[in-house]
Structure formats: C-alpha cells, structure tokens
Amino acid sequence: KISNTTSGVNIKWNAVSGAGGYRVYRRGAGQTTWTYLGTVTSTTYTDKNVVNNNYYRYTVRAASGSYFSGFDTNGLVIKYVKK
C-alpha cells in the first residue's frame, strides 16, 4: 500500500516470515531502472525525497542475510500530492 503524507510517500507491506529486513526501491516517471532507497527492518518506509505532482513507482523485496527475494517488477504507482 502506498499513500501521500505531508512528509513524502509512505509505503507499507505485509511481513515475510524469516525476513531480517526489506529493501525498498523506486522508479521515477520515465525511468527504466530501479533506484535502491534503503533497507529497513520494519514494514513501512517513507520516501521524503519526492517532488510534488510527480509520479513514482515503488517495490520492496525481503532480505535474509545475503538472500534477497524476488519482487514485483511492475511495483505500485502513485502521484505525489503533498497533503
């Protein structure tokens, strides 16, 4: 799930059993490759480096040690509109 907040785009997902963390990725409008944003241990992330009225696409992959799960190559799209 993704949503607009006053501080950026908030991404939330379900926990994966055995995951030690989650890697968050973003693609901006017109981009063809994913940009790694960071790794978190929680199931939520706020991307604060966004521009009002721009479109962004997000995806998350679970991590456990040096293993990384697959991910949704389409991701979820949102137009950031500051609240």
N, C-alpha and C. Protein backbone atom coordinates (compact mmCIF):
# COMPACT_ATOMS: atom_id res chain seq x y z
N LYS A 1 0.85 -1.18 0.00
CA LYS A 1 0.00 0.00 0.00
C LYS A 1 0.89 1.23 0.00
N ILE A 2 0.55 2.20 -0.81
CA ILE A 2 1.29 3.46 -0.82
C ILE A 2 0.31 4.62 -0.67
N SER A 3 0.78 5.68 0.01
CA SER A 3 -0.09 6.82 0.23
C SER A 3 0.74 8.10 0.36
N ASN A 4 0.10 9.23 0.09
CA ASN A 4 0.72 10.53 0.24
C ASN A 4 0.62 11.00 1.68
N THR A 5 1.69 11.62 2.18
CA THR A 5 1.69 12.24 3.50
C THR A 5 2.30 13.63 3.35
N THR A 6 2.30 14.39 4.41
CA THR A 6 2.91 15.72 4.35
C THR A 6 4.42 15.64 4.17
N SER A 7 5.03 14.53 4.60
CA SER A 7 6.49 14.42 4.53
C SER A 7 7.00 13.61 3.34
N GLY A 8 6.09 12.98 2.56
CA GLY A 8 6.52 12.20 1.42
C GLY A 8 5.56 11.07 1.10
N VAL A 9 6.08 10.06 0.39
CA VAL A 9 5.27 8.89 0.03
C VAL A 9 5.52 7.80 1.06
N ASN A 10 4.45 7.31 1.67
CA ASN A 10 4.55 6.24 2.66
C ASN A 10 4.22 4.91 2.01
N ILE A 11 5.10 3.93 2.20
CA ILE A 11 4.93 2.59 1.64
C ILE A 11 4.77 1.63 2.81
N LYS A 12 3.75 0.76 2.74
CA LYS A 12 3.52 -0.26 3.76
C LYS A 12 3.31 -1.60 3.07
N TRP A 13 3.79 -2.67 3.70
CA TRP A 13 3.65 -4.01 3.14
C TRP A 13 3.52 -5.01 4.26
N ASN A 14 3.13 -6.23 3.91
CA ASN A 14 2.99 -7.31 4.88
C ASN A 14 4.35 -7.92 5.19
N ALA A 15 4.51 -8.36 6.43
CA ALA A 15 5.75 -9.01 6.86
C ALA A 15 5.92 -10.35 6.15
N VAL A 16 7.17 -10.71 5.91
CA VAL A 16 7.51 -12.00 5.32
C VAL A 16 8.23 -12.82 6.39
N SER A 17 7.75 -14.03 6.64
CA SER A 17 8.35 -14.89 7.66
C SER A 17 9.82 -15.16 7.34
N GLY A 18 10.69 -14.94 8.32
CA GLY A 18 12.11 -15.20 8.15
C GLY A 18 12.91 -14.03 7.60
N ALA A 19 12.23 -12.97 7.21
CA ALA A 19 12.95 -11.81 6.65
C ALA A 19 13.62 -11.03 7.77
N GLY A 20 14.88 -10.68 7.55
CA GLY A 20 15.60 -9.86 8.52
C GLY A 20 15.49 -8.38 8.20
N GLY A 21 15.03 -8.07 7.00
CA GLY A 21 14.88 -6.69 6.58
C GLY A 21 14.22 -6.63 5.22
N TYR A 22 14.01 -5.43 4.75
CA TYR A 22 13.34 -5.21 3.47
C TYR A 22 14.07 -4.12 2.71
N ARG A 23 14.33 -4.38 1.44
CA ARG A 23 14.97 -3.39 0.58
C ARG A 23 13.89 -2.67 -0.22
N VAL A 24 13.93 -1.34 -0.21
CA VAL A 24 12.92 -0.52 -0.87
C VAL A 24 13.54 0.11 -2.12
N TYR A 25 12.77 0.07 -3.22
CA TYR A 25 13.23 0.61 -4.50
C TYR A 25 12.19 1.55 -5.08
N ARG A 26 12.67 2.50 -5.90
CA ARG A 26 11.78 3.47 -6.54
C ARG A 26 12.22 3.68 -7.98
N ARG A 27 11.23 3.94 -8.83
CA ARG A 27 11.48 4.41 -10.20
C ARG A 27 10.65 5.66 -10.41
N GLY A 28 11.27 6.69 -10.93
CA GLY A 28 10.54 7.91 -11.26
C GLY A 28 9.94 7.79 -12.65
N ALA A 29 9.11 8.74 -12.99
CA ALA A 29 8.47 8.75 -14.32
C ALA A 29 9.55 8.75 -15.40
N GLY A 30 9.40 7.85 -16.35
CA GLY A 30 10.34 7.77 -17.46
C GLY A 30 11.60 6.97 -17.18
N GLN A 31 11.81 6.56 -15.94
CA GLN A 31 12.99 5.76 -15.61
C GLN A 31 12.73 4.29 -15.92
N THR A 32 13.78 3.60 -16.34
CA THR A 32 13.65 2.18 -16.68
C THR A 32 14.32 1.27 -15.65
N THR A 33 15.10 1.84 -14.75
CA THR A 33 15.77 1.01 -13.73
C THR A 33 15.34 1.45 -12.34
N TRP A 34 15.40 0.49 -11.42
CA TRP A 34 15.03 0.75 -10.04
C TRP A 34 16.19 1.41 -9.31
N THR A 35 15.88 2.38 -8.45
CA THR A 35 16.86 3.02 -7.57
C THR A 35 16.67 2.49 -6.16
N TYR A 36 17.74 1.97 -5.58
CA TYR A 36 17.70 1.45 -4.21
C TYR A 36 17.61 2.62 -3.23
N LEU A 37 16.59 2.61 -2.36
CA LEU A 37 16.40 3.69 -1.40
C LEU A 37 16.97 3.38 -0.03
N GLY A 38 16.96 2.11 0.34
CA GLY A 38 17.47 1.73 1.65
C GLY A 38 16.89 0.42 2.14
N THR A 39 17.42 -0.05 3.26
CA THR A 39 16.95 -1.28 3.90
C THR A 39 16.38 -0.92 5.27
N VAL A 40 15.22 -1.48 5.57
CA VAL A 40 14.57 -1.26 6.87
C VAL A 40 14.19 -2.60 7.48
N THR A 41 14.03 -2.63 8.80
CA THR A 41 13.59 -3.86 9.47
C THR A 41 12.09 -3.83 9.72
N SER A 42 11.47 -2.66 9.62
CA SER A 42 10.02 -2.55 9.80
C SER A 42 9.31 -2.83 8.48
N THR A 43 8.00 -2.77 8.47
CA THR A 43 7.22 -3.00 7.25
C THR A 43 6.63 -1.70 6.73
N THR A 44 7.36 -0.62 6.94
CA THR A 44 6.93 0.68 6.43
C THR A 44 8.16 1.53 6.12
N TYR A 45 8.00 2.40 5.14
CA TYR A 45 9.10 3.28 4.72
C TYR A 45 8.47 4.55 4.17
N THR A 46 9.05 5.70 4.51
CA THR A 46 8.59 6.96 3.93
C THR A 46 9.69 7.56 3.07
N ASP A 47 9.40 7.73 1.80
CA ASP A 47 10.32 8.34 0.86
C ASP A 47 10.10 9.85 0.92
N LYS A 48 11.07 10.56 1.51
CA LYS A 48 10.94 12.01 1.68
C LYS A 48 11.57 12.80 0.54
N ASN A 49 12.23 12.09 -0.35
CA ASN A 49 12.92 12.74 -1.47
C ASN A 49 12.04 12.70 -2.72
N VAL A 50 10.87 13.33 -2.62
CA VAL A 50 9.90 13.34 -3.72
C VAL A 50 9.50 14.76 -4.06
N VAL A 51 9.03 14.94 -5.28
CA VAL A 51 8.62 16.27 -5.76
C VAL A 51 7.12 16.27 -5.98
N ASN A 52 6.47 17.33 -5.51
CA ASN A 52 5.02 17.44 -5.63
C ASN A 52 4.58 17.32 -7.09
N ASN A 53 3.49 16.59 -7.31
CA ASN A 53 2.87 16.36 -8.62
C ASN A 53 3.68 15.47 -9.57
N ASN A 54 4.67 14.76 -9.06
CA ASN A 54 5.42 13.79 -9.87
C ASN A 54 4.94 12.38 -9.58
N TYR A 55 5.09 11.49 -10.57
CA TYR A 55 4.71 10.09 -10.42
C TYR A 55 5.92 9.27 -10.00
N TYR A 56 5.67 8.29 -9.11
CA TYR A 56 6.71 7.39 -8.63
C TYR A 56 6.17 5.97 -8.58
N ARG A 57 7.07 5.02 -8.78
CA ARG A 57 6.72 3.60 -8.73
C ARG A 57 7.62 2.95 -7.66
N TYR A 58 7.02 2.12 -6.79
CA TYR A 58 7.76 1.51 -5.68
C TYR A 58 7.62 0.00 -5.68
N THR A 59 8.68 -0.65 -5.21
CA THR A 59 8.64 -2.09 -4.98
C THR A 59 9.54 -2.41 -3.79
N VAL A 60 9.28 -3.54 -3.16
CA VAL A 60 10.02 -3.97 -1.96
C VAL A 60 10.41 -5.42 -2.12
N ARG A 61 11.59 -5.78 -1.63
CA ARG A 61 11.99 -7.18 -1.61
C ARG A 61 12.51 -7.54 -0.22
N ALA A 62 12.16 -8.73 0.23
CA ALA A 62 12.59 -9.21 1.54
C ALA A 62 14.05 -9.63 1.49
N ALA A 63 14.74 -9.48 2.61
CA ALA A 63 16.15 -9.85 2.71
C ALA A 63 16.36 -10.71 3.95
N SER A 64 17.23 -11.70 3.81
CA SER A 64 17.63 -12.54 4.93
C SER A 64 19.10 -12.89 4.72
N GLY A 65 19.97 -12.24 5.46
CA GLY A 65 21.41 -12.42 5.22
C GLY A 65 21.77 -11.91 3.84
N SER A 66 22.37 -12.78 3.03
CA SER A 66 22.75 -12.38 1.67
C SER A 66 21.70 -12.81 0.64
N TYR A 67 20.57 -13.34 1.11
CA TYR A 67 19.49 -13.77 0.22
C TYR A 67 18.47 -12.64 0.07
N PHE A 68 18.05 -12.40 -1.18
CA PHE A 68 17.01 -11.41 -1.45
C PHE A 68 15.90 -12.08 -2.24
N SER A 69 14.67 -11.82 -1.82
CA SER A 69 13.53 -12.42 -2.51
C SER A 69 13.34 -11.77 -3.88
N GLY A 70 12.47 -12.36 -4.66
CA GLY A 70 12.04 -11.72 -5.89
C GLY A 70 11.23 -10.49 -5.54
N PHE A 71 10.79 -9.77 -6.55
CA PHE A 71 9.99 -8.57 -6.29
C PHE A 71 9.05 -8.33 -7.46
N ASP A 72 8.05 -7.51 -7.19
CA ASP A 72 7.07 -7.15 -8.22
C ASP A 72 7.73 -6.17 -9.18
N THR A 73 8.01 -6.61 -10.40
CA THR A 73 8.72 -5.76 -11.36
C THR A 73 7.89 -4.58 -11.84
N ASN A 74 6.57 -4.66 -11.66
CA ASN A 74 5.71 -3.52 -12.01
C ASN A 74 5.62 -2.53 -10.86
N GLY A 75 5.64 -3.03 -9.63
CA GLY A 75 5.52 -2.16 -8.46
C GLY A 75 4.17 -1.47 -8.39
N LEU A 76 4.06 -0.53 -7.48
CA LEU A 76 2.85 0.28 -7.33
C LEU A 76 3.17 1.72 -7.67
N VAL A 77 2.23 2.38 -8.35
CA VAL A 77 2.44 3.76 -8.82
C VAL A 77 1.60 4.72 -8.01
N ILE A 78 2.20 5.88 -7.74
CA ILE A 78 1.46 6.95 -7.05
C ILE A 78 1.92 8.29 -7.60
N LYS A 79 0.98 9.24 -7.67
CA LYS A 79 1.32 10.62 -7.97
C LYS A 79 1.44 11.32 -6.63
N TYR A 80 2.63 11.84 -6.33
CA TYR A 80 2.80 12.50 -5.04
C TYR A 80 2.13 13.87 -5.06
N VAL A 81 1.17 14.01 -4.16
CA VAL A 81 0.47 15.27 -3.95
C VAL A 81 0.58 15.57 -2.47
N LYS A 82 1.36 16.58 -2.14
CA LYS A 82 1.59 16.91 -0.72
C LYS A 82 0.27 17.24 -0.05
N LYS A 83 0.05 16.62 1.11
CA LYS A 83 -1.19 16.85 1.86
C LYS A 83 -1.06 18.06 2.75
